[in-house]
N, C-alpha and C. Protein backbone atom coordinates (compact mmCIF):
# COMPACT_ATOMS: atom_id res chain seq x y z
N MET A 1 0.86 -1.20 0.00
CA MET A 1 0.00 0.00 0.00
C MET A 1 0.89 1.24 0.00
N ASN A 2 0.66 2.13 -0.98
CA ASN A 2 1.48 3.32 -1.07
C ASN A 2 0.97 4.40 -0.13
N ALA A 3 1.65 5.49 -0.07
CA ALA A 3 1.32 6.57 0.86
C ALA A 3 -0.03 7.19 0.54
N ILE A 4 -0.35 7.29 -0.77
CA ILE A 4 -1.64 7.90 -1.16
C ILE A 4 -2.81 7.04 -0.68
N GLU A 5 -2.71 5.70 -0.82
CA GLU A 5 -3.78 4.80 -0.37
C GLU A 5 -3.96 4.88 1.14
N GLN A 6 -2.85 5.00 1.88
CA GLN A 6 -2.94 5.11 3.33
C GLN A 6 -3.70 6.37 3.74
N ILE A 7 -3.42 7.48 3.03
CA ILE A 7 -4.12 8.73 3.34
C ILE A 7 -5.61 8.61 3.03
N LEU A 8 -5.94 7.99 1.90
CA LEU A 8 -7.35 7.82 1.53
C LEU A 8 -8.11 6.97 2.53
N ASN A 9 -7.46 5.95 3.08
CA ASN A 9 -8.12 5.07 4.05
C ASN A 9 -8.45 5.78 5.35
N THR A 10 -7.72 6.85 5.65
CA THR A 10 -7.98 7.58 6.89
C THR A 10 -9.12 8.57 6.76
N LEU A 11 -9.53 8.87 5.53
CA LEU A 11 -10.62 9.82 5.31
C LEU A 11 -11.97 9.15 5.56
N PRO A 12 -12.98 9.90 6.09
CA PRO A 12 -14.32 9.31 6.29
C PRO A 12 -14.94 8.89 4.98
N ARG A 13 -15.59 7.73 5.04
CA ARG A 13 -16.20 7.22 3.82
C ARG A 13 -17.51 7.94 3.53
N ILE A 14 -17.76 8.19 2.27
CA ILE A 14 -19.02 8.81 1.85
C ILE A 14 -20.12 7.76 1.90
N PRO A 15 -21.20 8.04 2.62
CA PRO A 15 -22.26 7.03 2.70
C PRO A 15 -22.85 6.70 1.35
N LYS A 16 -23.28 5.46 1.22
CA LYS A 16 -23.89 5.00 -0.02
C LYS A 16 -25.23 5.69 -0.21
N PRO A 17 -25.50 6.21 -1.38
CA PRO A 17 -26.79 6.88 -1.63
C PRO A 17 -27.95 5.91 -1.36
N LEU A 18 -29.03 6.46 -0.75
CA LEU A 18 -30.19 5.64 -0.45
C LEU A 18 -30.94 5.32 -1.72
N ASN A 19 -31.31 4.07 -1.84
CA ASN A 19 -32.11 3.62 -2.97
C ASN A 19 -33.56 3.57 -2.53
N PRO A 20 -34.44 4.36 -3.11
CA PRO A 20 -35.85 4.38 -2.68
C PRO A 20 -36.53 3.03 -2.83
N ASN A 21 -35.95 2.15 -3.64
CA ASN A 21 -36.54 0.83 -3.83
C ASN A 21 -36.08 -0.18 -2.78
N GLU A 22 -35.14 0.24 -1.91
CA GLU A 22 -34.63 -0.67 -0.89
C GLU A 22 -35.10 -0.18 0.48
N GLY A 23 -35.33 -1.12 1.39
CA GLY A 23 -35.72 -0.78 2.74
C GLY A 23 -34.55 -0.25 3.54
N THR A 24 -34.82 0.69 4.44
CA THR A 24 -33.76 1.26 5.28
C THR A 24 -33.69 0.59 6.63
N GLY A 25 -34.69 -0.22 6.99
CA GLY A 25 -34.73 -0.83 8.32
C GLY A 25 -35.38 0.06 9.35
N ILE A 26 -35.69 1.31 9.00
CA ILE A 26 -36.33 2.25 9.91
C ILE A 26 -37.80 2.36 9.53
N PRO A 27 -38.73 2.03 10.46
CA PRO A 27 -40.15 2.07 10.11
C PRO A 27 -40.59 3.47 9.72
N HIS A 28 -41.41 3.54 8.71
CA HIS A 28 -42.00 4.80 8.29
C HIS A 28 -42.97 5.27 9.37
N PRO A 29 -43.08 6.61 9.61
CA PRO A 29 -44.02 7.10 10.63
C PRO A 29 -45.43 6.55 10.48
N GLN A 30 -45.91 6.37 9.25
CA GLN A 30 -47.25 5.82 9.06
C GLN A 30 -47.33 4.39 9.54
N VAL A 31 -46.22 3.65 9.37
CA VAL A 31 -46.19 2.27 9.86
C VAL A 31 -46.26 2.24 11.37
N LEU A 32 -45.50 3.16 12.03
CA LEU A 32 -45.53 3.23 13.49
C LEU A 32 -46.93 3.58 13.98
N ASP A 33 -47.59 4.53 13.33
CA ASP A 33 -48.95 4.89 13.72
C ASP A 33 -49.89 3.71 13.59
N ALA A 34 -49.74 2.95 12.53
CA ALA A 34 -50.61 1.78 12.32
C ALA A 34 -50.38 0.74 13.41
N GLU A 35 -49.09 0.54 13.78
CA GLU A 35 -48.79 -0.43 14.82
C GLU A 35 -49.32 0.03 16.18
N ASN A 36 -49.18 1.32 16.49
CA ASN A 36 -49.71 1.84 17.75
C ASN A 36 -51.23 1.70 17.80
N SER A 37 -51.88 1.99 16.67
CA SER A 37 -53.33 1.85 16.61
C SER A 37 -53.75 0.40 16.83
N LYS A 38 -52.97 -0.52 16.26
CA LYS A 38 -53.27 -1.93 16.43
C LYS A 38 -53.15 -2.34 17.88
N LEU A 39 -52.10 -1.84 18.57
CA LEU A 39 -51.91 -2.17 19.98
C LEU A 39 -53.06 -1.62 20.82
N LYS A 40 -53.51 -0.39 20.52
CA LYS A 40 -54.62 0.18 21.26
C LYS A 40 -55.88 -0.65 21.08
N ASN A 41 -56.12 -1.09 19.84
CA ASN A 41 -57.30 -1.90 19.58
C ASN A 41 -57.24 -3.23 20.32
N GLU A 42 -56.04 -3.84 20.33
CA GLU A 42 -55.89 -5.10 21.04
C GLU A 42 -56.09 -4.89 22.54
N PHE A 43 -55.59 -3.77 23.07
CA PHE A 43 -55.78 -3.46 24.49
C PHE A 43 -57.25 -3.31 24.82
N SER A 44 -57.95 -2.54 23.97
CA SER A 44 -59.36 -2.32 24.21
C SER A 44 -60.15 -3.61 24.11
N THR A 45 -59.84 -4.42 23.10
CA THR A 45 -60.58 -5.67 22.92
C THR A 45 -60.33 -6.63 24.07
N SER A 46 -59.12 -6.63 24.60
CA SER A 46 -58.80 -7.53 25.71
C SER A 46 -59.53 -7.13 26.97
N PHE A 47 -59.87 -5.84 27.11
CA PHE A 47 -60.56 -5.38 28.29
C PHE A 47 -62.06 -5.33 28.12
N HIS A 48 -62.53 -5.40 26.89
CA HIS A 48 -63.96 -5.32 26.64
C HIS A 48 -64.36 -6.33 25.59
N ASN A 49 -65.41 -7.04 25.85
CA ASN A 49 -65.91 -8.00 24.87
C ASN A 49 -66.82 -7.29 23.88
N LEU A 50 -66.28 -6.20 23.31
CA LEU A 50 -67.03 -5.37 22.40
C LEU A 50 -66.15 -5.01 21.21
N GLU A 51 -66.75 -4.35 20.22
CA GLU A 51 -65.94 -3.83 19.12
C GLU A 51 -65.01 -2.76 19.68
N PRO A 52 -63.76 -2.68 19.18
CA PRO A 52 -62.78 -1.74 19.73
C PRO A 52 -63.26 -0.31 19.89
N PRO A 53 -63.93 0.31 18.89
CA PRO A 53 -64.38 1.69 19.11
C PRO A 53 -65.32 1.82 20.29
N MET A 54 -66.25 0.86 20.44
CA MET A 54 -67.17 0.91 21.56
C MET A 54 -66.44 0.70 22.87
N GLY A 55 -65.46 -0.22 22.88
CA GLY A 55 -64.69 -0.46 24.10
C GLY A 55 -63.93 0.77 24.53
N GLN A 56 -63.32 1.48 23.59
CA GLN A 56 -62.59 2.70 23.91
C GLN A 56 -63.52 3.78 24.43
N ALA A 57 -64.70 3.87 23.84
CA ALA A 57 -65.67 4.87 24.29
C ALA A 57 -66.12 4.59 25.72
N LEU A 58 -66.38 3.32 26.03
CA LEU A 58 -66.78 2.96 27.38
C LEU A 58 -65.67 3.24 28.38
N LEU A 59 -64.44 2.94 27.98
CA LEU A 59 -63.31 3.14 28.87
C LEU A 59 -63.18 4.61 29.26
N LYS A 60 -63.49 5.51 28.32
CA LYS A 60 -63.42 6.94 28.61
C LYS A 60 -64.53 7.39 29.56
N GLU A 61 -65.63 6.64 29.58
CA GLU A 61 -66.79 7.02 30.39
C GLU A 61 -66.77 6.40 31.78
N VAL A 62 -65.76 5.61 32.11
CA VAL A 62 -65.68 5.01 33.44
C VAL A 62 -65.68 6.11 34.49
N PRO A 63 -66.49 6.00 35.55
CA PRO A 63 -66.54 7.06 36.56
C PRO A 63 -65.18 7.37 37.15
N LYS A 64 -65.00 8.62 37.54
CA LYS A 64 -63.77 9.01 38.22
C LYS A 64 -63.71 8.34 39.59
N LEU A 65 -62.50 8.28 40.14
CA LEU A 65 -62.28 7.53 41.37
C LEU A 65 -63.20 8.00 42.49
N GLN A 66 -63.39 9.31 42.62
CA GLN A 66 -64.22 9.83 43.70
C GLN A 66 -65.69 9.50 43.52
N GLU A 67 -66.07 9.07 42.32
CA GLU A 67 -67.47 8.72 42.05
C GLU A 67 -67.76 7.24 42.29
N TRP A 68 -66.73 6.46 42.57
CA TRP A 68 -66.93 5.04 42.87
C TRP A 68 -67.43 4.89 44.30
N PRO A 69 -68.14 3.79 44.60
CA PRO A 69 -68.55 3.55 45.99
C PRO A 69 -67.32 3.28 46.86
N HIS A 70 -67.32 3.83 48.07
CA HIS A 70 -66.25 3.59 49.02
C HIS A 70 -66.79 2.74 50.17
N PHE A 71 -65.90 2.06 50.84
CA PHE A 71 -66.33 1.13 51.89
C PHE A 71 -65.43 1.27 53.11
N GLY A 72 -66.04 1.69 54.24
CA GLY A 72 -65.29 1.86 55.47
C GLY A 72 -65.49 0.74 56.48
N GLY A 73 -66.50 -0.10 56.25
CA GLY A 73 -66.72 -1.24 57.14
C GLY A 73 -67.35 -0.89 58.47
N GLU A 74 -67.96 0.29 58.57
CA GLU A 74 -68.49 0.71 59.87
C GLU A 74 -69.99 1.01 59.83
N GLY A 75 -70.63 0.86 58.68
CA GLY A 75 -72.06 1.10 58.59
C GLY A 75 -72.85 -0.18 58.82
N GLU A 76 -74.16 -0.04 58.87
CA GLU A 76 -75.01 -1.21 59.11
C GLU A 76 -75.00 -2.18 57.93
N TYR A 77 -75.04 -1.65 56.74
CA TYR A 77 -75.11 -2.51 55.56
C TYR A 77 -74.36 -1.90 54.38
N ASP A 78 -73.33 -1.09 54.67
CA ASP A 78 -72.61 -0.45 53.56
C ASP A 78 -71.77 -1.45 52.77
N HIS A 79 -71.48 -2.63 53.34
CA HIS A 79 -70.76 -3.64 52.56
C HIS A 79 -71.62 -4.14 51.40
N ILE A 80 -72.93 -4.21 51.62
CA ILE A 80 -73.83 -4.64 50.56
C ILE A 80 -73.91 -3.57 49.47
N GLU A 81 -74.01 -2.31 49.89
CA GLU A 81 -74.05 -1.22 48.92
C GLU A 81 -72.76 -1.14 48.12
N PHE A 82 -71.63 -1.42 48.78
CA PHE A 82 -70.33 -1.40 48.09
C PHE A 82 -70.27 -2.50 47.03
N ILE A 83 -70.66 -3.70 47.41
CA ILE A 83 -70.63 -4.82 46.46
C ILE A 83 -71.54 -4.55 45.27
N ARG A 84 -72.74 -4.07 45.54
CA ARG A 84 -73.68 -3.77 44.45
C ARG A 84 -73.13 -2.67 43.55
N GLY A 85 -72.52 -1.67 44.15
CA GLY A 85 -71.97 -0.57 43.36
C GLY A 85 -70.86 -1.02 42.43
N ILE A 86 -69.93 -1.83 42.95
CA ILE A 86 -68.83 -2.33 42.12
C ILE A 86 -69.37 -3.25 41.02
N ASP A 87 -70.32 -4.10 41.38
CA ASP A 87 -70.92 -5.00 40.38
C ASP A 87 -71.54 -4.21 39.23
N MET A 88 -72.24 -3.14 39.56
CA MET A 88 -72.92 -2.35 38.53
C MET A 88 -71.92 -1.66 37.62
N ILE A 89 -70.85 -1.09 38.19
CA ILE A 89 -69.84 -0.41 37.36
C ILE A 89 -69.15 -1.41 36.45
N LYS A 90 -68.78 -2.57 36.99
CA LYS A 90 -68.13 -3.60 36.18
C LYS A 90 -69.03 -4.05 35.04
N GLU A 91 -70.31 -4.20 35.34
CA GLU A 91 -71.25 -4.66 34.31
C GLU A 91 -71.52 -3.57 33.27
N ASP A 92 -71.73 -2.35 33.73
CA ASP A 92 -72.08 -1.26 32.81
C ASP A 92 -70.95 -0.92 31.84
N PHE A 93 -69.70 -1.02 32.33
CA PHE A 93 -68.56 -0.61 31.50
C PHE A 93 -67.69 -1.78 31.06
N GLU A 94 -68.18 -3.01 31.29
CA GLU A 94 -67.46 -4.21 30.88
C GLU A 94 -66.02 -4.21 31.41
N LEU A 95 -65.86 -3.82 32.68
CA LEU A 95 -64.52 -3.73 33.25
C LEU A 95 -64.02 -5.09 33.72
N PRO A 96 -62.79 -5.43 33.43
CA PRO A 96 -62.21 -6.66 33.96
C PRO A 96 -61.86 -6.48 35.44
N ASP A 97 -61.64 -7.57 36.13
CA ASP A 97 -61.35 -7.52 37.56
C ASP A 97 -60.17 -6.62 37.88
N ARG A 98 -59.08 -6.78 37.14
CA ARG A 98 -57.86 -6.07 37.51
C ARG A 98 -58.00 -4.56 37.36
N LEU A 99 -58.86 -4.10 36.45
CA LEU A 99 -59.06 -2.67 36.30
C LEU A 99 -59.88 -2.12 37.46
N ALA A 100 -60.83 -2.89 37.96
CA ALA A 100 -61.62 -2.46 39.11
C ALA A 100 -60.81 -2.57 40.40
N LYS A 101 -60.11 -3.68 40.56
CA LYS A 101 -59.37 -3.90 41.81
C LYS A 101 -58.18 -2.97 41.96
N ALA A 102 -57.71 -2.37 40.87
CA ALA A 102 -56.62 -1.41 40.96
C ALA A 102 -57.00 -0.20 41.80
N ARG A 103 -58.31 0.01 42.00
CA ARG A 103 -58.80 1.15 42.77
C ARG A 103 -59.06 0.80 44.23
N PHE A 104 -58.97 -0.47 44.59
CA PHE A 104 -59.39 -0.89 45.92
C PHE A 104 -58.58 -0.25 47.04
N ASN A 105 -57.31 0.01 46.82
CA ASN A 105 -56.49 0.59 47.88
C ASN A 105 -57.01 1.96 48.29
N THR A 106 -57.75 2.62 47.40
CA THR A 106 -58.37 3.91 47.71
C THR A 106 -59.83 3.75 48.10
N LEU A 107 -60.53 2.80 47.50
CA LEU A 107 -61.96 2.63 47.77
C LEU A 107 -62.22 2.08 49.17
N PHE A 108 -61.31 1.25 49.67
CA PHE A 108 -61.44 0.77 51.05
C PHE A 108 -60.90 1.85 51.98
N THR A 109 -61.66 2.21 53.00
CA THR A 109 -61.26 3.26 53.92
C THR A 109 -61.38 2.77 55.36
N ARG A 110 -60.80 3.54 56.28
CA ARG A 110 -60.87 3.29 57.72
C ARG A 110 -60.55 1.83 58.05
N SER A 111 -61.38 1.20 58.87
CA SER A 111 -61.07 -0.16 59.31
C SER A 111 -61.08 -1.15 58.15
N ALA A 112 -61.92 -0.91 57.15
CA ALA A 112 -61.97 -1.81 55.99
C ALA A 112 -60.66 -1.76 55.21
N HIS A 113 -60.00 -0.61 55.20
CA HIS A 113 -58.73 -0.50 54.48
C HIS A 113 -57.65 -1.33 55.17
N ARG A 114 -57.61 -1.28 56.49
CA ARG A 114 -56.63 -2.10 57.23
C ARG A 114 -56.88 -3.58 56.97
N TRP A 115 -58.14 -3.95 56.96
CA TRP A 115 -58.49 -5.35 56.69
C TRP A 115 -58.08 -5.75 55.29
N TYR A 116 -58.32 -4.87 54.31
CA TYR A 116 -57.98 -5.19 52.92
C TYR A 116 -56.48 -5.35 52.74
N ILE A 117 -55.69 -4.49 53.36
CA ILE A 117 -54.23 -4.59 53.23
C ILE A 117 -53.74 -5.94 53.75
N LYS A 118 -54.25 -6.36 54.89
CA LYS A 118 -53.85 -7.67 55.44
C LYS A 118 -54.29 -8.80 54.52
N LEU A 119 -55.49 -8.69 53.99
CA LEU A 119 -56.01 -9.73 53.08
C LEU A 119 -55.15 -9.82 51.83
N ARG A 120 -54.77 -8.68 51.29
CA ARG A 120 -53.95 -8.65 50.08
C ARG A 120 -52.56 -9.23 50.35
N GLN A 121 -51.98 -8.90 51.48
CA GLN A 121 -50.66 -9.42 51.82
C GLN A 121 -50.69 -10.94 52.00
N ALA A 122 -51.80 -11.44 52.54
CA ALA A 122 -51.89 -12.87 52.82
C ALA A 122 -52.22 -13.69 51.57
N HIS A 123 -53.02 -13.14 50.66
CA HIS A 123 -53.53 -13.94 49.54
C HIS A 123 -53.15 -13.40 48.16
N GLY A 124 -52.56 -12.21 48.09
CA GLY A 124 -52.17 -11.67 46.80
C GLY A 124 -53.37 -11.32 45.93
N HIS A 125 -53.15 -11.28 44.62
CA HIS A 125 -54.22 -10.94 43.68
C HIS A 125 -55.24 -12.08 43.61
N GLN A 126 -56.51 -11.71 43.76
CA GLN A 126 -57.60 -12.68 43.65
C GLN A 126 -58.71 -12.05 42.81
N SER A 127 -59.66 -12.87 42.40
CA SER A 127 -60.77 -12.38 41.58
C SER A 127 -61.72 -11.54 42.42
N TRP A 128 -62.54 -10.74 41.75
CA TRP A 128 -63.54 -9.94 42.43
C TRP A 128 -64.57 -10.84 43.11
N THR A 129 -64.90 -11.95 42.48
CA THR A 129 -65.83 -12.90 43.11
C THR A 129 -65.27 -13.40 44.43
N TRP A 130 -63.99 -13.71 44.46
CA TRP A 130 -63.34 -14.16 45.70
C TRP A 130 -63.37 -13.04 46.73
N CYS A 131 -63.10 -11.81 46.31
CA CYS A 131 -63.10 -10.67 47.23
C CYS A 131 -64.48 -10.45 47.83
N LYS A 132 -65.52 -10.59 47.01
CA LYS A 132 -66.88 -10.42 47.52
C LYS A 132 -67.19 -11.44 48.61
N THR A 133 -66.75 -12.66 48.40
CA THR A 133 -66.97 -13.70 49.41
C THR A 133 -66.29 -13.34 50.72
N GLN A 134 -65.07 -12.80 50.65
CA GLN A 134 -64.35 -12.42 51.86
C GLN A 134 -65.05 -11.26 52.58
N ILE A 135 -65.56 -10.31 51.81
CA ILE A 135 -66.28 -9.18 52.41
C ILE A 135 -67.53 -9.67 53.14
N ILE A 136 -68.27 -10.56 52.49
CA ILE A 136 -69.50 -11.09 53.10
C ILE A 136 -69.17 -11.90 54.35
N ASN A 137 -68.13 -12.72 54.28
CA ASN A 137 -67.74 -13.52 55.44
C ASN A 137 -67.32 -12.65 56.62
N LYS A 138 -66.71 -11.51 56.30
CA LYS A 138 -66.22 -10.61 57.35
C LYS A 138 -67.34 -9.78 57.96
N TRP A 139 -68.19 -9.20 57.13
CA TRP A 139 -69.17 -8.23 57.63
C TRP A 139 -70.60 -8.76 57.71
N ALA A 140 -70.95 -9.77 56.94
CA ALA A 140 -72.31 -10.31 57.00
C ALA A 140 -72.34 -11.58 57.83
N ASN A 141 -71.73 -11.54 59.00
CA ASN A 141 -71.67 -12.72 59.86
C ASN A 141 -72.84 -12.70 60.85
N ASP A 142 -72.85 -13.67 61.76
CA ASP A 142 -73.96 -13.79 62.71
C ASP A 142 -74.06 -12.57 63.62
N ALA A 143 -72.91 -12.04 64.02
CA ALA A 143 -72.91 -10.86 64.89
C ALA A 143 -73.54 -9.66 64.17
N TRP A 144 -73.24 -9.53 62.89
CA TRP A 144 -73.83 -8.44 62.12
C TRP A 144 -75.33 -8.63 61.98
N ARG A 145 -75.79 -9.85 61.71
CA ARG A 145 -77.22 -10.10 61.56
C ARG A 145 -77.95 -9.78 62.86
N PHE A 146 -77.37 -10.18 63.98
CA PHE A 146 -77.99 -9.90 65.27
C PHE A 146 -78.09 -8.39 65.50
N LYS A 147 -77.05 -7.67 65.15
CA LYS A 147 -77.03 -6.22 65.34
C LYS A 147 -78.09 -5.53 64.50
N VAL A 148 -78.22 -5.93 63.24
CA VAL A 148 -79.19 -5.28 62.35
C VAL A 148 -80.61 -5.66 62.73
N GLU A 149 -80.83 -6.92 63.08
CA GLU A 149 -82.17 -7.34 63.52
C GLU A 149 -82.60 -6.60 64.78
N LYS A 150 -81.66 -6.44 65.69
CA LYS A 150 -81.96 -5.71 66.92
C LYS A 150 -82.30 -4.25 66.61
N ALA A 151 -81.55 -3.65 65.69
CA ALA A 151 -81.83 -2.26 65.32
C ALA A 151 -83.20 -2.13 64.67
N PHE A 152 -83.56 -3.11 63.84
CA PHE A 152 -84.88 -3.07 63.19
C PHE A 152 -85.99 -3.22 64.22
N ASN A 153 -85.88 -4.19 65.09
CA ASN A 153 -86.94 -4.47 66.06
C ASN A 153 -87.11 -3.37 67.10
N SER A 154 -86.02 -2.68 67.41
CA SER A 154 -86.10 -1.65 68.45
C SER A 154 -86.47 -0.28 67.90
N SER A 155 -86.55 -0.16 66.58
CA SER A 155 -86.85 1.13 65.97
C SER A 155 -88.34 1.23 65.68
N GLU A 156 -89.02 2.10 66.41
CA GLU A 156 -90.44 2.36 66.18
C GLU A 156 -90.62 3.81 65.77
N LEU A 157 -91.53 4.02 64.86
CA LEU A 157 -91.73 5.36 64.34
C LEU A 157 -92.37 6.27 65.38
N ASN A 158 -91.73 7.40 65.60
CA ASN A 158 -92.29 8.45 66.45
C ASN A 158 -92.49 9.67 65.55
N SER A 159 -93.72 9.82 65.09
CA SER A 159 -94.00 10.86 64.10
C SER A 159 -93.77 12.27 64.64
N GLU A 160 -93.69 12.42 65.96
CA GLU A 160 -93.46 13.74 66.54
C GLU A 160 -91.99 14.12 66.52
N LYS A 161 -91.09 13.12 66.40
CA LYS A 161 -89.66 13.39 66.47
C LYS A 161 -88.93 13.17 65.14
N GLU A 162 -89.50 12.39 64.25
CA GLU A 162 -88.80 12.09 63.00
C GLU A 162 -89.80 11.98 61.86
N LYS A 163 -89.28 12.19 60.65
CA LYS A 163 -90.12 12.08 59.47
C LYS A 163 -90.32 10.62 59.10
N ALA A 164 -91.49 10.32 58.58
CA ALA A 164 -91.86 8.93 58.33
C ALA A 164 -91.05 8.31 57.19
N LEU A 165 -90.84 9.05 56.10
CA LEU A 165 -90.21 8.45 54.93
C LEU A 165 -88.76 8.01 55.18
N PRO A 166 -87.88 8.86 55.76
CA PRO A 166 -86.52 8.38 56.04
C PRO A 166 -86.49 7.17 56.97
N TRP A 167 -87.38 7.18 57.98
CA TRP A 167 -87.44 6.03 58.89
C TRP A 167 -87.88 4.78 58.14
N PHE A 168 -88.91 4.91 57.32
CA PHE A 168 -89.43 3.77 56.57
C PHE A 168 -88.36 3.20 55.64
N CYS A 169 -87.64 4.08 54.95
CA CYS A 169 -86.61 3.62 54.00
C CYS A 169 -85.45 2.94 54.72
N GLN A 170 -85.09 3.45 55.90
CA GLN A 170 -84.02 2.82 56.66
C GLN A 170 -84.43 1.42 57.11
N GLN A 171 -85.66 1.27 57.57
CA GLN A 171 -86.15 -0.04 57.96
C GLN A 171 -86.20 -1.00 56.77
N ARG A 172 -86.61 -0.47 55.64
CA ARG A 172 -86.64 -1.29 54.43
C ARG A 172 -85.24 -1.75 54.03
N ASP A 173 -84.26 -0.85 54.12
CA ASP A 173 -82.89 -1.20 53.77
C ASP A 173 -82.33 -2.26 54.72
N ARG A 174 -82.71 -2.17 55.98
CA ARG A 174 -82.26 -3.19 56.94
C ARG A 174 -82.81 -4.57 56.57
N LEU A 175 -84.09 -4.62 56.26
CA LEU A 175 -84.68 -5.91 55.89
C LEU A 175 -84.11 -6.43 54.57
N THR A 176 -83.89 -5.55 53.62
CA THR A 176 -83.33 -5.97 52.34
C THR A 176 -81.93 -6.53 52.52
N ALA A 177 -81.16 -5.93 53.43
CA ALA A 177 -79.81 -6.43 53.70
C ALA A 177 -79.86 -7.80 54.37
N LEU A 178 -80.80 -7.98 55.28
CA LEU A 178 -80.92 -9.26 55.99
C LEU A 178 -81.54 -10.34 55.11
N TYR A 179 -82.56 -9.96 54.34
CA TYR A 179 -83.31 -10.94 53.54
C TYR A 179 -83.42 -10.43 52.09
N PRO A 180 -82.36 -10.58 51.31
CA PRO A 180 -82.36 -10.04 49.95
C PRO A 180 -83.43 -10.62 49.04
N ASP A 181 -83.95 -11.80 49.37
CA ASP A 181 -84.97 -12.43 48.53
C ASP A 181 -86.39 -12.16 49.01
N MET A 182 -86.54 -11.41 50.08
CA MET A 182 -87.88 -11.12 50.61
C MET A 182 -88.63 -10.19 49.66
N SER A 183 -89.89 -10.49 49.43
CA SER A 183 -90.69 -9.67 48.52
C SER A 183 -90.98 -8.31 49.14
N GLU A 184 -91.27 -7.35 48.28
CA GLU A 184 -91.59 -6.00 48.77
C GLU A 184 -92.86 -6.02 49.61
N PHE A 185 -93.78 -6.89 49.27
CA PHE A 185 -95.02 -6.99 50.04
C PHE A 185 -94.72 -7.38 51.49
N LEU A 186 -93.90 -8.41 51.68
CA LEU A 186 -93.58 -8.85 53.04
C LEU A 186 -92.75 -7.82 53.79
N ILE A 187 -91.85 -7.15 53.06
CA ILE A 187 -91.04 -6.11 53.70
C ILE A 187 -91.94 -5.01 54.26
N HIS A 188 -92.90 -4.57 53.47
CA HIS A 188 -93.79 -3.50 53.91
C HIS A 188 -94.68 -3.97 55.07
N ARG A 189 -95.10 -5.20 55.04
CA ARG A 189 -95.93 -5.70 56.14
C ARG A 189 -95.15 -5.78 57.44
N LYS A 190 -93.88 -6.21 57.37
CA LYS A 190 -93.06 -6.27 58.58
C LYS A 190 -92.81 -4.86 59.13
N ILE A 191 -92.60 -3.92 58.24
CA ILE A 191 -92.37 -2.55 58.69
C ILE A 191 -93.62 -1.97 59.31
N SER A 192 -94.78 -2.34 58.80
CA SER A 192 -96.03 -1.79 59.31
C SER A 192 -96.22 -2.11 60.79
N ARG A 193 -95.68 -3.24 61.22
CA ARG A 193 -95.82 -3.62 62.63
C ARG A 193 -95.03 -2.70 63.56
N GLN A 194 -94.05 -1.99 62.99
CA GLN A 194 -93.26 -1.07 63.79
C GLN A 194 -93.88 0.32 63.82
N CYS A 195 -94.97 0.51 63.07
CA CYS A 195 -95.59 1.84 63.02
C CYS A 195 -96.58 2.04 64.16
N GLY A 196 -97.49 1.08 64.29
CA GLY A 196 -98.49 1.19 65.35
C GLY A 196 -99.65 2.10 64.99
N GLY A 197 -100.80 1.84 65.61
CA GLY A 197 -101.95 2.72 65.48
C GLY A 197 -102.49 2.83 64.07
N ASP A 198 -102.98 4.02 63.77
CA ASP A 198 -103.60 4.26 62.47
C ASP A 198 -102.61 4.11 61.33
N LEU A 199 -101.35 4.47 61.57
CA LEU A 199 -100.35 4.37 60.50
C LEU A 199 -100.12 2.93 60.11
N GLU A 200 -100.14 2.02 61.09
CA GLU A 200 -99.97 0.60 60.78
C GLU A 200 -101.08 0.12 59.86
N ASN A 201 -102.30 0.50 60.18
CA ASN A 201 -103.43 0.10 59.34
C ASN A 201 -103.33 0.72 57.94
N ALA A 202 -102.86 1.96 57.88
CA ALA A 202 -102.73 2.62 56.59
C ALA A 202 -101.66 1.95 55.74
N VAL A 203 -100.55 1.58 56.36
CA VAL A 203 -99.47 0.91 55.63
C VAL A 203 -99.95 -0.44 55.12
N LYS A 204 -100.67 -1.19 55.96
CA LYS A 204 -101.18 -2.49 55.53
C LYS A 204 -102.13 -2.34 54.35
N ARG A 205 -102.99 -1.34 54.41
CA ARG A 205 -103.96 -1.15 53.34
C ARG A 205 -103.26 -0.75 52.04
N ARG A 206 -102.29 0.13 52.14
CA ARG A 206 -101.60 0.59 50.93
C ARG A 206 -100.65 -0.47 50.40
N THR A 207 -100.16 -1.34 51.27
CA THR A 207 -99.31 -2.43 50.81
C THR A 207 -100.09 -3.35 49.88
N MET A 208 -101.37 -3.54 50.17
CA MET A 208 -102.20 -4.38 49.32
C MET A 208 -102.31 -3.80 47.91
N GLU A 209 -102.09 -2.48 47.79
CA GLU A 209 -102.16 -1.84 46.48
C GLU A 209 -100.82 -1.90 45.75
N GLN A 210 -99.82 -2.57 46.35
CA GLN A 210 -98.49 -2.71 45.76
C GLN A 210 -97.86 -1.34 45.50
N SER A 211 -97.98 -0.46 46.48
CA SER A 211 -97.41 0.88 46.35
C SER A 211 -95.93 0.87 46.70
N SER A 212 -95.22 1.90 46.25
CA SER A 212 -93.83 2.07 46.64
C SER A 212 -93.77 2.64 48.05
N ALA A 213 -92.55 2.67 48.62
CA ALA A 213 -92.40 3.21 49.97
C ALA A 213 -92.85 4.67 50.01
N GLU A 214 -92.50 5.43 48.98
CA GLU A 214 -92.88 6.84 48.94
C GLU A 214 -94.39 7.00 48.87
N ASP A 215 -95.05 6.15 48.07
CA ASP A 215 -96.51 6.23 47.95
C ASP A 215 -97.19 5.85 49.26
N ILE A 216 -96.63 4.84 49.93
CA ILE A 216 -97.23 4.39 51.18
C ILE A 216 -97.23 5.50 52.22
N ILE A 217 -96.12 6.23 52.30
CA ILE A 217 -95.98 7.27 53.31
C ILE A 217 -96.72 8.54 52.92
N ASN A 218 -96.69 8.89 51.63
CA ASN A 218 -97.19 10.19 51.20
C ASN A 218 -98.67 10.21 50.88
N LYS A 219 -99.28 9.03 50.73
CA LYS A 219 -100.72 9.02 50.39
C LYS A 219 -101.55 9.61 51.53
């Protein structure tokens, strides 16, 4: 190799001109957009048993965290309201378990939050069906039933101190929590026994007409 060749070898090489008919190995921006769109569609379809556009639309409409039911574990029957609320959101928006359960660390509050943390540490990720069973076993036990039954039986309407409709609805909610399969007719008849006097007779008569709680009280 002569001196001229040595000097030429030290110079930077001129890159080979790009041939538009050959691939460069670098995806075109349109290709990247198509791939990203495909991933989004696959994500949506995996989370919703719907067409991708509908799944994406539902995902955008999922209630904000503060609009979800919260559960503190200290009410008479708020565990039932919590379970029903989560079930309805999951059903309405076709949410998978993991998307709903990702909010549980915030949705569980006070004593229920401490219980949930221990449950999660002991059992890890579980299905929502499994979680519902644990909630019911914890809060809908014999002690809870005794407490709610006692509250129902000891609560009699005093029309001079409280309004009839809130009292009636609270009694109805207690019975619904204790006996979810009880008919509305029987619920109203049991509540009528806690009214006494003319109101008891009025409730019994209006119950025969299959009225709502509001109609029974306001007629």
